[in-house]
Protein backbone atom coordinates (compact mmCIF):
# COMPACT_ATOMS: atom_id res chain seq x y z
CA UNK A 1 -26.49 -15.79 35.19
CA UNK A 2 -25.56 -19.20 33.85
CA UNK A 3 -26.36 -19.30 30.37
CA UNK A 4 -23.71 -15.61 30.62
CA UNK A 5 -21.33 -17.71 31.74
CA UNK A 6 -21.61 -20.89 29.67
CA UNK A 7 -21.55 -18.13 27.20
CA UNK A 8 -18.68 -16.10 27.61
CA UNK A 9 -16.67 -19.95 28.67
CA UNK A 10 -17.74 -20.96 24.89
CA UNK A 11 -16.20 -17.30 23.36
CA UNK A 12 -12.99 -17.75 25.17
CA UNK A 13 -12.67 -21.30 24.27
CA UNK A 14 -13.63 -20.11 20.00
CA UNK A 15 -11.18 -17.64 20.52
CA UNK A 16 -8.16 -19.66 21.55
CA UNK A 17 -8.87 -22.49 18.99
CA UNK A 18 -9.34 -19.55 16.03
CA UNK A 19 -5.99 -18.56 17.46
CA UNK A 20 -4.35 -21.71 17.41
CA UNK A 21 -5.38 -22.34 14.11
CA UNK A 22 -4.54 -19.45 12.38
CA UNK A 23 -0.96 -19.08 13.73
CA UNK A 24 -0.75 -22.46 13.67
CA UNK A 25 -1.51 -23.60 10.16
CA UNK A 26 -3.07 -20.37 8.09
CA UNK A 27 -0.35 -18.06 8.94
CA UNK A 28 2.23 -19.75 7.76
CA UNK A 29 0.76 -20.60 4.54
CA UNK A 30 0.42 -16.87 3.83
CA UNK A 31 3.74 -16.38 5.25
CA UNK A 32 6.10 -14.96 1.39
CA UNK A 33 7.93 -17.64 -0.08
CA UNK A 34 11.68 -16.86 0.26
CA UNK A 35 13.76 -15.31 -3.07
CA UNK A 36 15.59 -18.63 -3.24
CA UNK A 37 12.73 -20.50 -4.03
CA UNK A 38 11.30 -18.51 -7.31
CA UNK A 39 12.82 -20.27 -10.22
CA UNK A 40 11.25 -18.55 -13.27
CA UNK A 41 13.04 -16.87 -15.47
CA UNK A 42 13.16 -14.45 -18.71
CA UNK A 43 16.28 -15.49 -20.54
CA UNK A 44 13.36 -16.59 -23.14
CA UNK A 45 12.15 -12.99 -23.31
CA UNK A 46 12.66 -11.89 -26.76
CA UNK A 47 14.45 -8.20 -26.76
CA UNK A 48 15.42 -5.99 -29.07
CA UNK A 49 19.25 -6.59 -27.60
CA UNK A 50 21.00 -7.98 -25.06
CA UNK A 51 22.06 -4.56 -23.93
CA UNK A 52 18.42 -4.41 -22.08
CA UNK A 53 19.67 -7.24 -19.90
CA UNK A 54 19.77 -6.00 -16.02
CA UNK A 55 23.68 -7.75 -15.33
CA UNK A 56 25.93 -10.33 -16.46
CA UNK A 57 24.90 -13.67 -14.63
CA UNK A 58 28.28 -13.49 -12.80
CA UNK A 59 27.86 -11.97 -8.66
CA UNK A 60 29.99 -8.65 -8.61
CA UNK A 61 32.79 -8.11 -6.63
CA UNK A 62 31.88 -7.35 -3.41
CA UNK A 63 32.79 -3.96 -1.58
CA UNK A 64 31.88 -1.85 1.26
CA UNK A 65 28.98 0.61 0.30
CA UNK A 66 31.33 3.60 1.20
CA UNK A 67 33.82 2.59 -1.12
CA UNK A 68 31.61 2.26 -3.92
CA UNK A 69 30.70 5.36 -3.33
CA UNK A 70 33.83 7.21 -3.54
CA UNK A 71 34.87 6.17 -6.91
CA UNK A 72 36.11 8.79 -8.87
CA UNK A 73 34.04 8.47 -12.20
CA UNK A 74 30.84 9.64 -9.78
CA UNK A 75 28.98 12.94 -10.54
CA UNK A 76 26.87 14.18 -7.38
CA UNK A 77 23.35 14.96 -7.05
CA UNK A 78 21.47 17.12 -4.46
CA UNK A 79 17.92 18.52 -4.52
CA UNK A 80 15.75 19.71 -1.50
CA UNK A 81 15.08 16.36 -0.61
CA UNK A 82 17.65 14.00 -2.49
CA UNK A 83 21.06 13.00 -2.13
CA UNK A 84 22.97 10.78 -4.23
CA UNK A 85 25.40 10.36 -7.29
CA UNK A 86 25.36 8.79 -10.65
CA UNK A 87 28.22 6.52 -12.18
CA UNK A 88 29.60 7.98 -15.71
CA UNK A 89 30.66 3.95 -15.79
CA UNK A 90 27.34 3.04 -17.67
CA UNK A 91 25.07 6.35 -16.80
CA UNK A 92 24.16 4.28 -13.63
CA UNK A 93 21.92 6.02 -11.54
CA UNK A 94 22.77 3.31 -8.22
CA UNK A 95 22.73 6.00 -5.21
CA UNK A 96 19.78 8.22 -3.66
CA UNK A 97 18.96 8.79 0.13
CA UNK A 98 15.65 10.41 1.50
CA UNK A 99 16.88 13.43 3.09
CA UNK A 100 14.06 14.32 4.86
CA UNK A 101 12.62 9.84 5.89
CA UNK A 102 14.64 7.96 7.84
CA UNK A 103 14.73 4.98 8.84
CA UNK A 104 14.39 4.69 12.54
CA UNK A 105 13.04 7.05 14.78
CA UNK A 106 16.41 8.05 15.98
CA UNK A 107 16.81 9.89 12.49
CA UNK A 108 20.25 8.98 11.73
CA UNK A 109 19.87 6.30 8.78
CA UNK A 110 18.24 7.67 5.77
CA UNK A 111 16.14 5.89 4.06
CA UNK A 112 17.91 4.95 0.34
CA UNK A 113 15.85 4.02 -2.48
CA UNK A 114 18.53 3.45 -4.61
CA UNK A 115 21.61 0.98 -4.16
CA UNK A 116 24.55 -0.02 -5.77
CA UNK A 117 25.31 -3.80 -7.38
CA UNK A 118 28.40 -4.05 -6.19
CA UNK A 119 27.59 -4.30 -2.36
CA UNK A 120 26.51 -7.66 -1.30
CA UNK A 121 23.46 -5.93 -0.33
CA UNK A 122 19.85 -6.44 -2.32
CA UNK A 123 20.60 -3.62 -5.40
CA UNK A 124 18.28 -1.25 -6.81
CA UNK A 125 19.37 0.79 -9.47
CA UNK A 126 18.77 2.58 -12.78
CA UNK A 127 20.36 2.44 -16.39
CA UNK A 128 19.41 4.80 -19.32
CA UNK A 129 21.13 4.86 -23.11
CA UNK A 130 20.39 3.40 -26.32
CA UNK A 131 19.76 0.34 -28.42
CA UNK A 132 21.16 -0.21 -32.13
CA UNK A 133 24.67 -0.12 -33.82
CA UNK A 134 27.26 1.59 -32.58
CA UNK A 135 25.13 2.21 -29.21
CA UNK A 136 26.63 2.51 -25.62
CA UNK A 137 27.97 -0.62 -23.80
CA UNK A 138 26.61 -1.13 -20.40
CA UNK A 139 30.13 -0.24 -19.28
CA UNK A 140 31.03 3.11 -21.58
CA UNK A 141 32.58 5.16 -19.78
CA UNK A 142 31.09 8.83 -20.61
CA UNK A 143 32.50 12.31 -20.16
CA UNK A 144 31.05 14.99 -17.77
CA UNK A 145 31.46 18.40 -19.15
CA UNK A 146 32.80 20.52 -15.87
CA UNK A 147 31.83 23.80 -17.34
CA UNK A 148 28.40 22.72 -18.06
CA UNK A 149 27.13 20.01 -14.98
CA UNK A 150 24.69 17.50 -15.79
CA UNK A 151 26.06 17.27 -19.35
CA UNK A 152 27.42 13.98 -20.22
CA UNK A 153 28.47 12.70 -23.60
CA UNK A 154 30.18 9.36 -25.13
CA UNK A 155 31.00 8.70 -28.58
CA UNK A 156 31.07 5.21 -30.72
CA UNK A 157 33.37 4.29 -32.89
CA UNK A 158 30.80 3.92 -35.45
CA UNK A 159 30.18 8.25 -35.18
CA UNK A 160 28.00 8.66 -33.06
CA UNK A 161 28.03 10.78 -30.45
CA UNK A 162 25.40 10.58 -27.67
CA UNK A 163 24.10 13.20 -24.89
CA UNK A 164 22.71 13.31 -22.31
CA UNK A 165 21.22 16.41 -19.94
CA UNK A 166 20.65 15.63 -16.14
CA UNK A 167 18.13 18.85 -14.29
CA UNK A 168 17.02 18.06 -11.04
CA UNK A 169 13.79 19.45 -9.05
CA UNK A 170 12.98 17.95 -5.85
CA UNK A 171 12.37 14.61 -6.85
CA UNK A 172 11.64 14.80 -9.62
CA UNK A 173 15.12 13.71 -12.41
CA UNK A 174 14.89 14.96 -16.20
CA UNK A 175 16.91 13.33 -18.24
CA UNK A 176 17.19 14.71 -22.25
CA UNK A 177 18.92 12.41 -24.26
CA UNK A 178 20.27 13.05 -27.62
CA UNK A 179 22.62 11.15 -30.46
CA UNK A 180 24.11 12.84 -33.19
CA UNK A 181 24.88 11.16 -36.20
CA UNK A 182 28.56 11.96 -37.69
CA UNK A 183 29.00 9.27 -39.93
CA UNK A 184 28.35 8.76 -43.50
CA UNK A 185 25.72 6.10 -42.72
CA UNK A 186 22.18 5.94 -41.59
CA UNK A 187 21.76 3.90 -38.08
CA UNK A 188 19.00 2.48 -36.45
CA UNK A 189 18.45 3.75 -32.69
CA UNK A 190 16.23 3.68 -29.65
CA UNK A 191 16.53 5.03 -26.63
CA UNK A 192 15.82 3.04 -23.18
CA UNK A 193 15.84 3.11 -19.84
CA UNK A 194 15.19 0.50 -16.81
CA UNK A 195 14.95 -0.03 -13.24
CA UNK A 196 16.10 -3.31 -12.03
CA UNK A 197 15.72 -4.18 -8.21
CA UNK A 198 17.20 -7.29 -6.35
CA UNK A 199 14.86 -9.38 -4.10
CA UNK A 200 11.44 -9.71 -4.36
CA UNK A 201 8.97 -7.15 -6.36
CA UNK A 202 6.94 -5.84 -3.25
CA UNK A 203 8.36 -5.39 0.42
CA UNK A 204 5.01 -5.32 2.12
CA UNK A 205 2.74 -8.57 2.90
CA UNK A 206 -0.03 -6.81 3.74
CA UNK A 207 -3.15 -7.16 1.73
CA UNK A 208 -4.29 -3.40 2.07
CA UNK A 209 -1.32 -2.37 0.75
CA UNK A 210 -0.44 -2.56 -3.07
CA UNK A 211 3.37 -2.86 -3.61
CA UNK A 212 5.50 -4.10 -6.69
CA UNK A 213 5.06 -2.36 -10.07
CA UNK A 214 2.70 0.30 -10.82
CA UNK A 215 1.78 1.98 -13.86
CA UNK A 216 -1.01 3.59 -16.25
CA UNK A 217 -0.87 3.45 -20.17
CA UNK A 218 -2.70 5.12 -22.13
CA UNK A 219 -4.96 5.57 -19.10
CA UNK A 220 -5.41 2.27 -17.69
CA UNK A 221 -4.23 1.97 -14.40
CA UNK A 222 -2.03 -1.66 -14.08
CA UNK A 223 -0.69 -3.33 -11.15
CA UNK A 224 1.54 -6.40 -11.09
CA UNK A 225 3.38 -7.88 -7.21
CA UNK A 226 4.91 -11.17 -6.80
CA UNK A 227 2.10 -13.55 -7.22
CA UNK A 228 1.01 -12.19 -10.47
CA UNK A 229 4.27 -12.78 -12.18
CA UNK A 230 4.07 -16.11 -10.63
CA UNK A 231 1.59 -16.75 -13.21
CA UNK A 232 3.38 -14.76 -16.03
CA UNK A 233 7.08 -16.61 -17.06
CA UNK A 234 6.89 -14.69 -19.58
CA UNK A 235 7.31 -11.39 -17.74
CA UNK A 236 4.47 -8.62 -18.37
CA UNK A 237 4.17 -5.95 -21.63
CA UNK A 238 1.82 -3.49 -21.96
CA UNK A 239 2.07 -3.05 -26.23
CA UNK A 240 2.94 0.06 -27.73
CA UNK A 241 1.52 3.03 -25.32
CA UNK A 242 1.61 6.67 -26.29
CA UNK A 243 1.48 7.95 -23.07
CA UNK A 244 2.31 5.95 -19.38
CA UNK A 245 4.46 5.54 -16.65
CA UNK A 246 5.60 2.71 -14.32
CA UNK A 247 7.65 2.00 -11.21
CA UNK A 248 8.38 0.16 -8.69
CA UNK A 249 6.18 1.15 -5.20
CA UNK A 250 6.82 0.77 -1.84
CA UNK A 251 4.64 1.01 1.23
CA UNK A 252 5.56 4.49 1.26
CA UNK A 253 8.22 5.41 -1.13
CA UNK A 254 7.77 4.68 -5.31
CA UNK A 255 10.33 5.01 -7.91
CA UNK A 256 8.92 5.42 -11.68
CA UNK A 257 9.89 5.90 -14.88
CA UNK A 258 8.20 8.87 -17.34
CA UNK A 259 9.15 8.94 -20.73
CA UNK A 260 7.89 11.61 -23.26
CA UNK A 261 6.55 9.79 -26.44
CA UNK A 262 5.28 6.43 -27.50
CA UNK A 263 7.08 3.29 -25.61
CA UNK A 264 6.84 -0.23 -24.62
CA UNK A 265 6.86 -0.69 -20.79
CA UNK A 266 7.85 -4.10 -19.35
CA UNK A 267 8.18 -5.90 -16.46
CA UNK A 268 10.69 -9.03 -16.26
CA UNK A 269 11.55 -11.39 -13.32
CA UNK A 270 15.18 -13.74 -13.64
CA UNK A 271 17.33 -16.10 -11.30
CA UNK A 272 20.75 -15.17 -11.57
CA UNK A 273 23.71 -15.83 -9.24
CA UNK A 274 23.07 -13.04 -7.00
CA UNK A 275 19.62 -13.78 -6.55
CA UNK A 276 15.84 -12.88 -7.98
CA UNK A 277 15.69 -9.76 -9.94
CA UNK A 278 13.09 -8.07 -11.13
CA UNK A 279 13.58 -5.38 -13.76
CA UNK A 280 10.30 -2.69 -15.20
CA UNK A 281 12.16 -0.84 -18.49
CA UNK A 282 10.81 1.36 -21.39
CA UNK A 283 12.13 1.01 -25.07
CA UNK A 284 10.66 3.27 -28.13
CA UNK A 285 10.34 2.01 -31.52
CA UNK A 286 13.96 1.80 -33.71
CA UNK A 287 14.32 4.67 -36.23
CA UNK A 288 16.29 5.40 -38.50
CA UNK A 289 19.12 7.90 -38.05
CA UNK A 290 20.63 9.88 -41.24
CA UNK A 291 24.00 11.18 -41.83
CA UNK A 292 24.18 14.50 -40.16
CA UNK A 293 20.84 14.35 -38.02
CA UNK A 294 20.13 14.71 -34.18
CA UNK A 295 17.71 12.37 -32.38
CA UNK A 296 16.44 13.54 -28.69
CA UNK A 297 14.37 11.76 -26.34
CA UNK A 298 13.37 12.85 -22.92
CA UNK A 299 11.94 11.15 -19.65
CA UNK A 300 12.01 11.44 -16.26
CA UNK A 301 12.30 9.92 -13.39
CA UNK A 302 10.19 9.96 -9.90
CA UNK A 303 11.82 9.05 -6.97
CA UNK A 304 10.60 9.99 -3.15
CA UNK A 305 7.82 9.30 -1.13
CA UNK A 306 3.79 8.49 -1.77
CA UNK A 307 3.11 11.94 -0.62
CA UNK A 308 -0.65 13.45 -1.77
CA UNK A 309 0.83 17.14 -2.94
CA UNK A 310 4.13 16.07 -4.42
CA UNK A 311 2.37 13.07 -6.47
CA UNK A 312 -0.69 16.00 -7.64
CA UNK A 313 2.26 18.68 -8.47
CA UNK A 314 4.27 16.23 -10.50
CA UNK A 315 0.99 14.84 -11.85
CA UNK A 316 -0.25 18.53 -12.87
CA UNK A 317 3.73 19.55 -14.28
CA UNK A 318 4.25 16.80 -16.29
CA UNK A 319 0.87 16.47 -17.27
CA UNK A 320 0.37 12.05 -16.56
CA UNK A 321 -2.65 10.61 -16.00
CA UNK A 322 -3.48 8.82 -13.11
CA UNK A 323 -0.17 9.20 -11.29
CA UNK A 324 -2.08 10.40 -7.95
CA UNK A 325 -2.68 6.34 -8.03
CA UNK A 326 0.72 5.70 -6.97
CA UNK A 327 -1.31 5.61 -3.58
CA UNK A 328 -3.56 2.78 -3.54
CA UNK A 329 -6.48 4.27 -2.59
CA UNK A 330 -8.24 0.05 -2.93
CA UNK A 331 -11.76 -0.22 -4.13
CA UNK A 332 -13.72 2.41 -2.93
CA UNK A 333 -10.90 5.30 -4.43
CA UNK A 334 -13.78 7.77 -4.70
CA UNK A 335 -14.41 7.50 -0.12
CA UNK A 336 -11.02 6.85 0.62
CA UNK A 337 -9.35 10.03 -1.22
CA UNK A 338 -11.42 12.33 -0.11
CA UNK A 339 -11.36 10.95 3.25
CA UNK A 340 -7.31 10.81 2.90
CA UNK A 341 -6.90 14.29 1.48
CA UNK A 342 -9.16 15.24 4.69
CA UNK A 343 -7.15 13.93 7.14
CA UNK A 344 -3.91 15.41 6.15
CA UNK A 345 -5.26 18.79 6.17
CA UNK A 346 -6.50 18.34 9.37
CA UNK A 347 -2.86 17.03 10.38
CA UNK A 348 -1.50 20.54 8.91
CA UNK A 349 -3.99 21.89 10.71
CA UNK A 350 -3.07 20.57 14.26
CA UNK A 351 0.66 19.66 13.63
CA UNK A 352 -0.31 16.02 15.16
CA UNK A 353 -1.25 12.82 13.92
CA UNK A 354 -3.02 11.78 16.81
CA UNK A 355 -5.31 14.33 16.88
CA UNK A 356 -6.20 14.50 13.10
CA UNK A 357 -7.31 11.05 13.57
CA UNK A 358 -9.49 11.62 16.62
CA UNK A 359 -11.06 14.53 14.93
CA UNK A 360 -11.62 12.59 11.35
CA UNK A 361 -13.24 10.37 13.21
CA UNK A 362 -15.83 12.58 14.98
CA UNK A 363 -16.49 13.91 11.44
CA UNK A 364 -17.26 10.72 9.86
CA UNK A 365 -19.06 9.24 12.87
CA UNK A 366 -21.36 12.92 12.61
CA UNK A 367 -21.63 12.21 8.98
CA UNK A 368 -22.98 8.15 9.39
CA UNK A 369 -25.32 9.48 12.59
CA UNK A 370 -28.59 9.39 10.24
CA UNK A 371 -27.54 5.99 9.23
CA UNK A 372 -27.24 4.78 12.75
CA UNK A 373 -29.87 6.44 14.02
CA UNK A 374 -32.19 4.73 10.92
CA UNK A 375 -30.84 1.35 12.24
CA UNK A 376 -30.75 1.54 15.94
CA UNK A 377 -34.40 2.51 15.58
CA UNK A 378 -35.07 -0.28 13.34
CA UNK A 379 -33.41 -2.91 15.68
CA UNK A 380 -35.29 -1.88 18.23
CA UNK A 381 -38.94 -1.98 17.03
CA UNK A 382 -37.99 -5.51 16.12
CA UNK A 383 -36.62 -6.33 19.63
CA UNK A 384 -40.52 -4.91 20.56
CA UNK A 385 -41.48 -7.09 18.29
CA UNK A 386 -39.69 -10.26 19.18
CA UNK A 387 -42.35 -12.09 21.56
CA UNK A 388 -44.86 -11.80 19.40
CA UNK A 389 -42.81 -13.25 16.50
CA UNK A 390 -42.37 -15.89 19.09
CA UNK A 391 -45.78 -16.92 19.61
CA UNK A 392 -46.05 -17.09 15.54
CA UNK A 393 -43.35 -19.70 16.08
CA UNK A 394 -44.72 -21.38 18.53
CA UNK A 395 -48.26 -21.56 17.05
CA UNK A 396 -46.68 -22.87 13.45
CA UNK A 397 -44.28 -25.21 15.36
CA UNK A 398 -44.61 -27.67 12.48
CA UNK A 399 -41.93 -28.73 9.43
CA UNK A 400 -44.30 -29.06 6.84
CA UNK A 401 -43.65 -26.74 3.67
CA UNK A 402 -47.76 -25.49 4.33
CA UNK A 403 -46.95 -24.52 7.58
CA UNK A 404 -43.36 -22.83 7.06
CA UNK A 405 -44.76 -20.92 4.48
CA UNK A 406 -48.05 -19.89 6.92
CA UNK A 407 -45.54 -18.58 9.50
CA UNK A 408 -43.83 -16.54 7.14
CA UNK A 409 -46.81 -14.63 5.61
CA UNK A 410 -47.74 -13.96 9.50
CA UNK A 411 -44.63 -12.55 10.68
CA UNK A 412 -44.72 -10.19 7.45
CA UNK A 413 -47.85 -9.18 8.22
CA UNK A 414 -47.09 -8.31 11.53
CA UNK A 415 -44.01 -6.13 10.59
CA UNK A 416 -46.17 -4.47 7.71
CA UNK A 417 -48.81 -3.53 10.69
CA UNK A 418 -46.28 -1.75 12.82
CA UNK A 419 -44.55 -0.24 9.87
CA UNK A 420 -41.33 -2.33 10.72
CA UNK A 421 -38.93 -3.23 7.59
CA UNK A 422 -36.65 -5.99 8.47
CA UNK A 423 -33.85 -4.96 6.26
CA UNK A 424 -34.19 -1.35 7.49
CA UNK A 425 -31.76 -2.53 10.38
CA UNK A 426 -29.29 -4.08 8.43
CA UNK A 427 -29.43 -1.90 5.18
CA UNK A 428 -27.79 1.70 6.69
CA UNK A 429 -25.45 -0.60 8.55
CA UNK A 430 -24.12 -2.07 4.71
CA UNK A 431 -24.27 1.59 3.65
CA UNK A 432 -21.62 3.10 6.54
CA UNK A 433 -19.31 -0.49 5.53
CA UNK A 434 -17.51 1.30 2.54
CA UNK A 435 -16.62 4.12 4.77
CA UNK A 436 -15.01 2.16 7.48
CA UNK A 437 -13.20 0.45 5.30
CA UNK A 438 -12.07 3.59 3.83
CA UNK A 439 -10.90 4.92 6.61
CA UNK A 440 -9.07 1.89 8.12
CA UNK A 441 -7.63 2.02 4.63
CA UNK A 442 -6.30 5.06 4.83
CA UNK A 443 -4.79 4.98 8.31
CA UNK A 444 -2.34 2.15 6.81
CA UNK A 445 -0.91 3.92 3.62
CA UNK A 446 -0.51 7.15 4.69
CA UNK A 447 2.63 8.63 5.30
CA UNK A 448 1.77 10.83 7.84
CA UNK A 449 1.21 8.20 9.93
CA UNK A 450 4.86 6.73 9.51
CA UNK A 451 7.26 7.47 12.99
CA UNK A 452 4.53 10.01 14.50
CA UNK A 453 4.11 9.99 18.26
CA UNK A 454 0.88 9.63 19.66
CA UNK A 455 0.51 11.44 23.69
CA UNK A 456 1.54 8.98 26.04
CA UNK A 457 3.73 5.77 25.13
CA UNK A 458 3.08 5.14 21.70
CA UNK A 459 6.24 6.92 19.76
CA UNK A 460 5.04 5.89 16.12
CA UNK A 461 1.29 5.61 15.04
CA UNK A 462 2.12 2.92 12.53
CA UNK A 463 4.04 0.24 14.20
CA UNK A 464 2.35 -1.93 16.67
CA UNK A 465 2.07 -1.05 20.85
CA UNK A 466 4.57 -2.45 22.29
CA UNK A 467 3.06 -2.15 25.49
CA UNK A 468 2.66 -5.34 26.34
CA UNK A 469 0.75 -6.33 29.25
CA UNK A 470 1.51 -9.84 29.54
CA UNK A 471 5.34 -9.41 30.20
CA UNK A 472 4.44 -6.22 32.53
CA UNK A 473 5.42 -3.78 30.09
CA UNK A 474 8.74 -5.59 29.89
CA UNK A 475 9.48 -6.01 33.12
CA UNK A 476 9.44 -9.38 33.60
CA UNK A 477 12.00 -11.40 31.51
CA UNK A 478 9.75 -13.56 29.63
CA UNK A 479 9.56 -14.56 26.20
CA UNK A 480 5.97 -14.46 25.08
CA UNK A 481 5.25 -15.95 21.46
CA UNK A 482 4.22 -13.60 19.24
CA UNK A 483 0.71 -14.05 19.16
CA UNK A 484 0.76 -13.07 23.12
CA UNK A 485 2.07 -9.81 21.98
CA UNK A 486 -0.46 -7.77 23.09
CA UNK A 487 -0.46 -3.97 23.79
CA UNK A 488 -2.26 -1.79 25.97
CA UNK A 489 -4.39 -0.23 23.23
CA UNK A 490 -5.65 -3.71 21.56
CA UNK A 491 -6.77 -4.44 25.12
CA UNK A 492 -8.80 -1.03 25.23
CA UNK A 493 -10.40 -1.48 21.78
CA UNK A 494 -11.50 -5.00 22.62
CA UNK A 495 -12.59 -3.69 26.20
CA UNK A 496 -14.17 -0.41 24.71
CA UNK A 497 -16.01 -2.55 21.55
CA UNK A 498 -17.74 -5.22 24.49
CA UNK A 499 -19.27 -2.08 26.21
CA UNK A 500 -20.31 -0.73 22.66
CA UNK A 501 -22.05 -4.04 22.08
CA UNK A 502 -24.36 -3.34 25.29
CA UNK A 503 -25.94 -0.69 24.35
CA UNK A 504 -27.11 -2.77 20.78
CA UNK A 505 -30.47 -4.76 21.06
CA UNK A 506 -29.26 -8.17 22.22
CA UNK A 507 -30.18 -10.65 19.78
CA UNK A 508 -32.68 -13.39 21.03
CA UNK A 509 -30.43 -16.44 19.07
CA UNK A 510 -27.88 -17.92 21.43
CA UNK A 511 -25.24 -18.69 18.15
CA UNK A 512 -25.34 -14.99 17.78
CA UNK A 513 -25.21 -14.31 21.42
CA UNK A 514 -21.65 -16.47 21.53
CA UNK A 515 -20.37 -14.74 18.13
CA UNK A 516 -21.08 -11.23 19.87
CA UNK A 517 -18.84 -12.41 23.13
CA UNK A 518 -16.52 -14.03 20.74
CA UNK A 519 -15.67 -10.99 18.70
CA UNK A 520 -13.65 -8.28 21.00
CA UNK A 521 -12.07 -10.98 22.12
CA UNK A 522 -10.81 -12.06 18.26
CA UNK A 523 -10.55 -8.30 17.28
CA UNK A 524 -7.64 -7.93 20.99
CA UNK A 525 -5.58 -10.54 18.50
CA UNK A 526 -6.37 -9.01 15.75
CA UNK A 527 -4.98 -5.63 16.53
CA UNK A 528 -2.72 -6.43 18.19
CA UNK A 529 0.31 -6.60 15.55
CA UNK A 530 -0.89 -4.22 13.25
CA UNK A 531 0.07 -0.07 13.40
CA UNK A 532 -1.33 1.24 16.73
CA UNK A 533 -2.70 4.28 15.25
CA UNK A 534 -5.58 1.30 14.09
CA UNK A 535 -6.70 0.51 17.28
CA UNK A 536 -6.41 3.56 18.88
CA UNK A 537 -8.90 4.79 16.01
CA UNK A 538 -10.74 1.94 16.98
CA UNK A 539 -10.81 2.42 20.82
CA UNK A 540 -12.18 6.06 19.88
CA UNK A 541 -15.11 5.24 17.45
CA UNK A 542 -16.05 2.73 20.12
CA UNK A 543 -16.28 5.47 22.77
CA UNK A 544 -18.08 7.47 20.22
CA UNK A 545 -20.36 4.74 19.65
CA UNK A 546 -21.30 4.24 22.76
CA UNK A 547 -21.96 7.65 23.24
CA UNK A 548 -23.97 7.75 20.29
CA UNK A 549 -26.15 5.02 21.49
CA UNK A 550 -26.53 6.95 24.64
CA UNK A 551 -27.92 9.47 22.87
CA UNK A 552 -30.48 7.69 20.67
CA UNK A 553 -31.55 5.50 23.31
CA UNK A 554 -32.37 8.44 25.40
CA UNK A 555 -34.12 9.92 22.60
CA UNK A 556 -36.16 7.09 21.75
CA UNK A 557 -37.43 6.99 25.54
CA UNK A 558 -38.24 10.49 25.51
CA UNK A 559 -39.96 10.39 21.53
CA UNK A 560 -42.26 7.07 23.43
CA UNK A 561 -43.11 9.14 26.37
CA UNK A 562 -44.64 11.94 24.18
C-alpha cells in the first residue's frame, strides 16, 4: 500500500513538472513568429516582368468592405457553393465566400476565402493576365459584355485584343484567355495567374495538419509552409511542368490554380508596407504571336472546402493527378485515406458525426482484435515466467561479462522451453500503432467534424470541451490559466485510460509502474486543448479496450481449466 501511494505521488509530481516545463518554456518557443518579424524579401527574384508582382509597396487607401464591394466596376459571381464578385479593374478576383459554411455555430457570417486588398484586413486575391509587349497593366479596366455574361475584353494601344471568358460550376471556375493580334507586328506574349495572400502562409499551428502551399508538378507532390520559406529566401520554383496545380491550403479550405498546359510554378515571400505577403503563381513560356493570329490558354481555379467527394470529382473532371492530396492524409496515406472514406460514409449513413466516430472505433477495434489478443497472451506468459526469471537474476547477480552472458542464455533457454517469444508482445502493438495514428489524424483533418455536435454539452466536435470542472462549468468567477482549461471528456479519457491499464499485466519494474501511473494524468492535460472529438474517441476506445481485456482474460482462464 505504501509503495502504491509513493508511486501515485511521484506520478503527480512528474506530471506537474512536465506541465510547468512545457507551458513555461517549450510552448512559447513553439509559438509561431509574428508577421512583422519576417524580413525575407523576394524583390531580387528575377521575373519576366514586374507585372507579376502582387502590389506596389505603398499601402492602399483603407475603405469598408461593403463600400469596396459596392463599386460599379464589379461583375457578380454565384454558384451553388460560392458567392462573390470580380473587379473589372485589373480583372481581379478578390471577393468570394462559401455559401454553405460559416465562421461560427450561429451561421451568421459565411467563410470568406478571398478578400479585397483595400479593406485594411488581411487580403487574399487572384489575378489573371498576360505578360509581354502590349499586355494589360495592373489597373487596366476591362469591359464586360452585357449580352455575353462572363465575357471580358481589353484592347491595348499596341494592337492586341485580350478576351477572357469565365464559366462557373459549383466550386470550380474556368478561365479561357485569348489574345488576338490586329497589329502588323509579331509580339511576344505569355499568360500568367497569381494568388496573393497577406500574412503568414499557414493558418494552422498544429503539426498534424499541413497548411500553406500544396501542389503537384508532373506527378510529384510538393508542400511548403512558413518554416520552409525561412530556409528559401529566393522562394521556390517548380521549373517547367507539363502538368500540375498549386494552391493555398488552409485547415478546411483550399484555393488553387490549375492551368492546362506547360507552365512554371513559383512560390514567393516579400515584406511590403502592409506587412508580410505570400504569392503563388504560374507563367507560361513567352511565344511569338504573328499578325492576325490568336493565342488561347485555359486554366481553372478551385475555391472551396477540402471535401473528399468534391476533390475526387474535380480530379476526375480535369484529369489532374494527386488532387486528392489536397487533404493531408499524412505518412500513413494508405491507411488514413480508407479510414477517412469509411468515417465519411458512416457519417452519411447515420447523419451524426458522433455516432460515426463511435462505430468506426468499434470497427477498428474488431479488426485489431487478433493482434491485441496475441499481444496480451504473450504478456501473460511473460508474467507467469517472471518469478523464474527473477531466480535466474539472483543466481547470476554478478557484474562480470561472463555472468551477464550466462544470464541472457539461461533466460532465452527458459523462454524457448516454454515457447515464449519476448518480441511477440511488442510486435503486435507496433503493428497496431499506424492504424491508431491514422485514426487520430482523420479526426483532426475531417471536414465533417467541423461544427458537428455530440450528445450532451458538446456543440462542436472540432473545438475543445469547454465544460471546465475547475470553475464549476463556468458558474464560479475564476479566471483559470490556459493549462487548467480541462473539460469533462479529457478527464473521462484519463480515468478510462487508468482503468484500462489495470487490466494489463503489471510491469515488475518500478520505473515502468511510475510511468504507467503518470501517463493518464499527462494525457488529460494533453487532450484538454485538443478537439473534443479526439477525447471522445480516446474515451470510447479505452472502454472498448477494457471490454476486450475482460473477454481475453475470461477466455484465457477457460483455456487453462481445459
